[in-house]
Amino acid sequence: MSTHSLYAWKRKFAKTASGETEKDAEIRRLKRELARVSEERDILKKATAYFARDAK
């Protein structure tokens, strides 16, 4: 195992100051982004239905 590999592994699995790993932080970020995008999608679906009703 090279020194670079060891440092890469340590960085990947090291805990941050708050006690979470980088992977945990990425999962939290992705969940927040998914919630935001889902909310935007729901708003657009409602707006599409509203404007489609007015077009008739």
Protein backbone atom coordinates (compact mmCIF):
# COMPACT_ATOMS: atom_id res chain seq x y z
CA MET A 1 0.00 0.00 0.00
CA SER A 2 1.46 3.33 -0.96
CA THR A 3 1.55 6.36 1.28
CA HIS A 4 -0.86 8.12 -1.05
CA SER A 5 -3.38 5.28 -0.77
CA LEU A 6 -3.15 5.36 2.99
CA TYR A 7 -3.80 9.11 3.13
CA ALA A 8 -6.67 8.79 0.63
CA TRP A 9 -8.25 6.05 2.74
CA LYS A 10 -7.76 8.03 5.94
CA ARG A 11 -9.34 11.14 4.38
CA LYS A 12 -12.28 9.11 3.07
CA PHE A 13 -13.10 7.45 6.37
CA ALA A 14 -11.87 10.01 8.88
CA LYS A 15 -14.40 11.57 11.14
CA THR A 16 -14.94 15.31 10.95
CA ALA A 17 -14.97 17.56 14.01
CA SER A 18 -18.71 16.91 14.41
CA GLY A 19 -18.14 13.14 14.42
CA GLU A 20 -19.51 12.31 10.97
CA THR A 21 -17.67 10.94 7.99
CA GLU A 22 -17.48 12.67 4.62
CA LYS A 23 -19.79 9.98 3.29
CA ASP A 24 -22.40 10.83 5.94
CA ALA A 25 -22.13 14.52 5.10
CA GLU A 26 -22.59 13.75 1.39
CA ILE A 27 -25.67 11.63 2.13
CA ARG A 28 -27.18 14.46 4.19
CA ARG A 29 -26.46 16.95 1.38
CA LEU A 30 -28.04 14.69 -1.22
CA LYS A 31 -31.14 14.14 0.92
CA ARG A 32 -31.58 17.91 1.29
CA GLU A 33 -31.18 18.39 -2.45
CA LEU A 34 -33.67 15.58 -3.16
CA ALA A 35 -36.24 17.20 -0.86
CA ARG A 36 -35.78 20.57 -2.59
CA VAL A 37 -36.07 19.10 -6.08
CA SER A 38 -39.13 17.06 -5.07
CA GLU A 39 -40.80 20.20 -3.73
CA GLU A 40 -40.03 22.08 -6.95
CA ARG A 41 -41.46 19.19 -8.99
CA ASP A 42 -44.68 19.18 -6.95
CA ILE A 43 -45.08 22.94 -7.39
CA LEU A 44 -44.55 22.66 -11.15
CA LYS A 45 -47.08 19.82 -11.40
CA LYS A 46 -49.70 21.95 -9.62
CA ALA A 47 -48.91 24.97 -11.78
CA THR A 48 -49.17 22.88 -14.95
CA ALA A 49 -52.57 21.56 -13.91
CA TYR A 50 -53.75 25.07 -13.03
CA PHE A 51 -52.68 26.60 -16.34
CA ALA A 52 -53.97 23.64 -18.35
CA ARG A 53 -57.39 24.15 -16.75
CA ASP A 54 -57.36 27.86 -17.67
CA ALA A 55 -56.43 27.10 -21.29
CA LYS A 56 -59.72 25.24 -21.92
